[in-house]
Amino acid sequence: MGQKVRKRGTDNVLVDLGFEDAKELTAKATLALKLNRILEERKLTQVEAAELLDMPQSKVSQIKNYKLQNISLERLMQALVALDQRVEILVRASRRQEDPAIAVAI
């Protein structure tokens, strides 16, 4: 019987699952998580959130369900600004031990 070769995963499950846009989806998910927490804290319905964020209710539903492939990073950032959040972008050279990437911290 042959030995199984274990493939070591990364720290990003979307990369491990083979999503080509895994790093962007991770950034979107992080922003959506923050957005959803704020909407929940404020007890806004999807209809109320859609009006406040100036987007269709169907887009709010996609965000609430983390279906983010058709929602841009820019749109998520604009939604956070509409919720009185400050969104900052930092661009710096990657260190030798780091791959170039998109990273979002909340």
N, C-alpha and C. Protein backbone atom coordinates (compact mmCIF):
# COMPACT_ATOMS: atom_id res chain seq x y z
N MET A 1 0.84 -1.18 0.00
CA MET A 1 0.00 0.00 0.00
C MET A 1 0.89 1.24 0.00
N GLY A 2 0.61 2.21 -0.87
CA GLY A 2 1.42 3.41 -0.97
C GLY A 2 1.11 4.40 0.13
N GLN A 3 2.07 5.24 0.38
CA GLN A 3 1.88 6.28 1.40
C GLN A 3 1.10 7.44 0.82
N LYS A 4 0.23 7.99 1.62
CA LYS A 4 -0.50 9.19 1.21
C LYS A 4 0.43 10.39 1.39
N VAL A 5 0.40 11.25 0.41
CA VAL A 5 1.17 12.48 0.51
C VAL A 5 0.22 13.55 1.03
N ARG A 6 0.56 14.12 2.17
CA ARG A 6 -0.27 15.19 2.74
C ARG A 6 0.20 16.52 2.21
N LYS A 7 -0.71 17.22 1.63
CA LYS A 7 -0.42 18.56 1.14
C LYS A 7 -0.67 19.55 2.26
N ARG A 8 0.31 20.35 2.56
CA ARG A 8 0.17 21.34 3.63
C ARG A 8 -0.65 22.52 3.13
N GLY A 9 -1.66 22.90 3.90
CA GLY A 9 -2.51 24.02 3.53
C GLY A 9 -1.85 25.36 3.85
N THR A 10 -2.46 26.39 3.32
CA THR A 10 -2.01 27.74 3.62
C THR A 10 -2.84 28.27 4.78
N ASP A 11 -2.66 29.52 5.11
CA ASP A 11 -3.49 30.13 6.15
C ASP A 11 -4.77 30.74 5.56
N ASN A 12 -5.04 30.45 4.28
CA ASN A 12 -6.21 30.98 3.61
C ASN A 12 -6.98 29.82 2.97
N VAL A 13 -8.12 29.49 3.53
CA VAL A 13 -8.91 28.36 3.04
C VAL A 13 -9.35 28.55 1.59
N LEU A 14 -9.56 29.79 1.16
CA LEU A 14 -9.98 30.03 -0.22
C LEU A 14 -8.86 29.70 -1.19
N VAL A 15 -7.62 29.96 -0.81
CA VAL A 15 -6.47 29.56 -1.62
C VAL A 15 -6.41 28.04 -1.68
N ASP A 16 -6.57 27.40 -0.51
CA ASP A 16 -6.53 25.94 -0.44
C ASP A 16 -7.62 25.29 -1.30
N LEU A 17 -8.77 25.96 -1.43
CA LEU A 17 -9.87 25.43 -2.23
C LEU A 17 -9.71 25.72 -3.72
N GLY A 18 -8.68 26.50 -4.06
CA GLY A 18 -8.37 26.74 -5.47
C GLY A 18 -9.05 27.94 -6.11
N PHE A 19 -9.61 28.84 -5.31
CA PHE A 19 -10.20 30.05 -5.88
C PHE A 19 -9.10 30.91 -6.47
N GLU A 20 -9.24 31.27 -7.75
CA GLU A 20 -8.23 32.10 -8.41
C GLU A 20 -8.13 33.48 -7.77
N ASP A 21 -9.25 34.01 -7.31
CA ASP A 21 -9.29 35.34 -6.71
C ASP A 21 -9.38 35.27 -5.18
N ALA A 22 -8.74 34.28 -4.60
CA ALA A 22 -8.86 34.01 -3.16
C ALA A 22 -8.44 35.19 -2.30
N LYS A 23 -7.38 35.86 -2.66
CA LYS A 23 -6.90 36.97 -1.82
C LYS A 23 -7.88 38.14 -1.86
N GLU A 24 -8.44 38.42 -3.03
CA GLU A 24 -9.44 39.48 -3.12
C GLU A 24 -10.72 39.09 -2.38
N LEU A 25 -11.14 37.84 -2.52
CA LEU A 25 -12.33 37.38 -1.80
C LEU A 25 -12.14 37.45 -0.29
N THR A 26 -10.93 37.16 0.17
CA THR A 26 -10.63 37.26 1.60
C THR A 26 -10.77 38.70 2.08
N ALA A 27 -10.25 39.64 1.29
CA ALA A 27 -10.37 41.06 1.64
C ALA A 27 -11.85 41.46 1.65
N LYS A 28 -12.60 41.02 0.66
CA LYS A 28 -14.02 41.33 0.60
C LYS A 28 -14.75 40.75 1.81
N ALA A 29 -14.43 39.52 2.16
CA ALA A 29 -15.09 38.88 3.30
C ALA A 29 -14.82 39.62 4.59
N THR A 30 -13.61 40.11 4.75
CA THR A 30 -13.26 40.87 5.95
C THR A 30 -14.08 42.15 6.03
N LEU A 31 -14.19 42.85 4.90
CA LEU A 31 -15.00 44.07 4.88
C LEU A 31 -16.48 43.75 5.10
N ALA A 32 -16.96 42.68 4.49
CA ALA A 32 -18.36 42.29 4.65
C ALA A 32 -18.65 41.90 6.10
N LEU A 33 -17.70 41.26 6.75
CA LEU A 33 -17.88 40.89 8.16
C LEU A 33 -18.09 42.15 9.00
N LYS A 34 -17.25 43.15 8.80
CA LYS A 34 -17.39 44.41 9.54
C LYS A 34 -18.73 45.08 9.21
N LEU A 35 -19.07 45.11 7.95
CA LEU A 35 -20.32 45.72 7.51
C LEU A 35 -21.52 45.01 8.14
N ASN A 36 -21.51 43.69 8.10
CA ASN A 36 -22.62 42.91 8.69
C ASN A 36 -22.73 43.11 10.19
N ARG A 37 -21.60 43.21 10.86
CA ARG A 37 -21.64 43.46 12.31
C ARG A 37 -22.29 44.80 12.62
N ILE A 38 -21.96 45.81 11.84
CA ILE A 38 -22.53 47.14 12.06
C ILE A 38 -24.04 47.11 11.79
N LEU A 39 -24.44 46.48 10.69
CA LEU A 39 -25.87 46.40 10.37
C LEU A 39 -26.63 45.67 11.47
N GLU A 40 -26.02 44.61 12.00
CA GLU A 40 -26.66 43.85 13.08
C GLU A 40 -26.74 44.69 14.36
N GLU A 41 -25.64 45.38 14.71
CA GLU A 41 -25.64 46.23 15.91
C GLU A 41 -26.72 47.30 15.82
N ARG A 42 -26.91 47.85 14.62
CA ARG A 42 -27.90 48.91 14.44
C ARG A 42 -29.31 48.36 14.19
N LYS A 43 -29.41 47.04 14.13
CA LYS A 43 -30.70 46.37 13.93
C LYS A 43 -31.44 46.87 12.68
N LEU A 44 -30.67 47.05 11.60
CA LEU A 44 -31.26 47.51 10.35
C LEU A 44 -31.77 46.33 9.53
N THR A 45 -32.94 46.50 8.95
CA THR A 45 -33.43 45.49 8.00
C THR A 45 -32.63 45.64 6.71
N GLN A 46 -32.76 44.65 5.84
CA GLN A 46 -32.07 44.75 4.55
C GLN A 46 -32.60 45.92 3.73
N VAL A 47 -33.87 46.19 3.83
CA VAL A 47 -34.47 47.31 3.09
C VAL A 47 -33.91 48.63 3.63
N GLU A 48 -33.86 48.77 4.95
CA GLU A 48 -33.30 49.99 5.56
C GLU A 48 -31.83 50.15 5.21
N ALA A 49 -31.08 49.05 5.27
CA ALA A 49 -29.66 49.09 4.94
C ALA A 49 -29.46 49.48 3.47
N ALA A 50 -30.29 48.92 2.59
CA ALA A 50 -30.17 49.23 1.16
C ALA A 50 -30.36 50.72 0.91
N GLU A 51 -31.34 51.30 1.59
CA GLU A 51 -31.58 52.74 1.42
C GLU A 51 -30.40 53.55 1.95
N LEU A 52 -29.92 53.19 3.11
CA LEU A 52 -28.81 53.91 3.72
C LEU A 52 -27.52 53.76 2.90
N LEU A 53 -27.30 52.58 2.34
CA LEU A 53 -26.07 52.30 1.59
C LEU A 53 -26.19 52.63 0.11
N ASP A 54 -27.38 53.05 -0.31
CA ASP A 54 -27.63 53.40 -1.71
C ASP A 54 -27.29 52.24 -2.65
N MET A 55 -27.85 51.08 -2.32
CA MET A 55 -27.68 49.90 -3.16
C MET A 55 -28.97 49.09 -3.13
N PRO A 56 -29.17 48.26 -4.13
CA PRO A 56 -30.37 47.42 -4.13
C PRO A 56 -30.38 46.46 -2.94
N GLN A 57 -31.58 46.13 -2.47
CA GLN A 57 -31.71 45.19 -1.36
C GLN A 57 -31.07 43.85 -1.70
N SER A 58 -31.10 43.46 -2.98
CA SER A 58 -30.50 42.19 -3.38
C SER A 58 -28.98 42.18 -3.13
N LYS A 59 -28.33 43.34 -3.29
CA LYS A 59 -26.89 43.43 -3.00
C LYS A 59 -26.64 43.31 -1.49
N VAL A 60 -27.50 43.92 -0.69
CA VAL A 60 -27.38 43.80 0.77
C VAL A 60 -27.52 42.33 1.16
N SER A 61 -28.45 41.64 0.54
CA SER A 61 -28.64 40.22 0.81
C SER A 61 -27.39 39.43 0.45
N GLN A 62 -26.78 39.74 -0.69
CA GLN A 62 -25.54 39.06 -1.08
C GLN A 62 -24.45 39.28 -0.04
N ILE A 63 -24.33 40.51 0.43
CA ILE A 63 -23.31 40.82 1.44
C ILE A 63 -23.61 40.06 2.73
N LYS A 64 -24.88 40.09 3.15
CA LYS A 64 -25.27 39.39 4.39
C LYS A 64 -24.95 37.90 4.31
N ASN A 65 -25.02 37.34 3.10
CA ASN A 65 -24.77 35.91 2.91
C ASN A 65 -23.36 35.62 2.38
N TYR A 66 -22.51 36.64 2.36
CA TYR A 66 -21.11 36.52 1.93
C TYR A 66 -20.98 35.96 0.52
N LYS A 67 -21.91 36.32 -0.35
CA LYS A 67 -21.82 35.99 -1.77
C LYS A 67 -21.25 37.22 -2.45
N LEU A 68 -19.93 37.30 -2.49
CA LEU A 68 -19.24 38.55 -2.77
C LEU A 68 -18.59 38.64 -4.14
N GLN A 69 -18.75 37.63 -4.99
CA GLN A 69 -18.07 37.66 -6.27
C GLN A 69 -18.52 38.80 -7.18
N ASN A 70 -19.75 39.26 -7.05
CA ASN A 70 -20.25 40.35 -7.90
C ASN A 70 -20.29 41.69 -7.19
N ILE A 71 -19.56 41.81 -6.11
CA ILE A 71 -19.50 43.06 -5.34
C ILE A 71 -18.04 43.48 -5.24
N SER A 72 -17.77 44.71 -5.61
CA SER A 72 -16.38 45.16 -5.63
C SER A 72 -15.88 45.56 -4.24
N LEU A 73 -14.57 45.52 -4.09
CA LEU A 73 -13.95 46.01 -2.86
C LEU A 73 -14.33 47.48 -2.65
N GLU A 74 -14.32 48.24 -3.72
CA GLU A 74 -14.66 49.66 -3.63
C GLU A 74 -16.08 49.85 -3.09
N ARG A 75 -17.02 49.04 -3.57
CA ARG A 75 -18.42 49.17 -3.13
C ARG A 75 -18.55 48.84 -1.65
N LEU A 76 -17.83 47.83 -1.19
CA LEU A 76 -17.85 47.49 0.23
C LEU A 76 -17.26 48.61 1.07
N MET A 77 -16.18 49.22 0.58
CA MET A 77 -15.58 50.34 1.31
C MET A 77 -16.53 51.53 1.36
N GLN A 78 -17.21 51.82 0.24
CA GLN A 78 -18.17 52.92 0.21
C GLN A 78 -19.33 52.67 1.18
N ALA A 79 -19.75 51.42 1.28
CA ALA A 79 -20.83 51.08 2.22
C ALA A 79 -20.39 51.32 3.66
N LEU A 80 -19.15 50.98 3.97
CA LEU A 80 -18.64 51.22 5.33
C LEU A 80 -18.56 52.71 5.62
N VAL A 81 -18.15 53.50 4.64
CA VAL A 81 -18.10 54.95 4.82
C VAL A 81 -19.52 55.49 5.06
N ALA A 82 -20.50 54.95 4.34
CA ALA A 82 -21.89 55.37 4.54
C ALA A 82 -22.38 55.05 5.95
N LEU A 83 -21.70 54.10 6.60
CA LEU A 83 -22.04 53.73 7.98
C LEU A 83 -21.11 54.43 8.99
N ASP A 84 -20.55 55.56 8.56
CA ASP A 84 -19.71 56.41 9.41
C ASP A 84 -18.41 55.72 9.85
N GLN A 85 -17.86 54.88 8.97
CA GLN A 85 -16.59 54.23 9.26
C GLN A 85 -15.50 54.91 8.46
N ARG A 86 -14.30 54.86 8.95
CA ARG A 86 -13.14 55.38 8.24
C ARG A 86 -12.40 54.18 7.65
N VAL A 87 -12.22 54.18 6.35
CA VAL A 87 -11.52 53.10 5.66
C VAL A 87 -10.18 53.66 5.18
N GLU A 88 -9.11 53.01 5.58
CA GLU A 88 -7.77 53.46 5.21
C GLU A 88 -7.09 52.37 4.39
N ILE A 89 -6.36 52.79 3.37
CA ILE A 89 -5.61 51.87 2.53
C ILE A 89 -4.14 52.19 2.70
N LEU A 90 -3.36 51.16 2.97
CA LEU A 90 -1.92 51.32 3.16
C LEU A 90 -1.22 50.51 2.08
N VAL A 91 -0.35 51.15 1.32
CA VAL A 91 0.43 50.45 0.30
C VAL A 91 1.89 50.53 0.72
N ARG A 92 2.55 49.36 0.76
CA ARG A 92 3.97 49.31 1.11
C ARG A 92 4.61 48.15 0.37
N ALA A 93 5.90 48.21 0.23
CA ALA A 93 6.63 47.12 -0.42
C ALA A 93 6.53 45.88 0.47
N SER A 94 6.37 44.71 -0.17
CA SER A 94 6.30 43.49 0.62
C SER A 94 7.71 43.11 1.07
N ARG A 95 7.76 42.52 2.25
CA ARG A 95 9.05 42.07 2.77
C ARG A 95 9.45 40.79 2.06
N ARG A 96 10.69 40.42 2.17
CA ARG A 96 11.16 39.22 1.48
C ARG A 96 10.37 37.97 1.83
N GLN A 97 9.97 37.83 3.09
CA GLN A 97 9.26 36.63 3.50
C GLN A 97 7.77 36.69 3.19
N GLU A 98 7.28 37.80 2.63
CA GLU A 98 5.87 37.97 2.32
C GLU A 98 5.65 37.95 0.80
N ASP A 99 4.56 37.35 0.39
CA ASP A 99 4.15 37.45 -1.02
C ASP A 99 3.39 38.74 -1.17
N PRO A 100 3.47 39.37 -2.35
CA PRO A 100 2.61 40.53 -2.59
C PRO A 100 1.16 40.10 -2.41
N ALA A 101 0.33 40.94 -1.79
CA ALA A 101 -1.03 40.53 -1.46
C ALA A 101 -1.92 41.72 -1.18
N ILE A 102 -3.20 41.43 -1.14
CA ILE A 102 -4.20 42.37 -0.63
C ILE A 102 -4.54 41.88 0.77
N ALA A 103 -4.44 42.76 1.76
CA ALA A 103 -4.75 42.37 3.13
C ALA A 103 -5.65 43.44 3.74
N VAL A 104 -6.62 42.99 4.51
CA VAL A 104 -7.54 43.91 5.18
C VAL A 104 -7.57 43.57 6.64
N ALA A 105 -7.44 44.57 7.48
CA ALA A 105 -7.53 44.38 8.93
C ALA A 105 -8.68 45.22 9.45
N ILE A 106 -9.46 44.65 10.36
CA ILE A 106 -10.55 45.43 10.95
C ILE A 106 -10.35 45.53 12.45
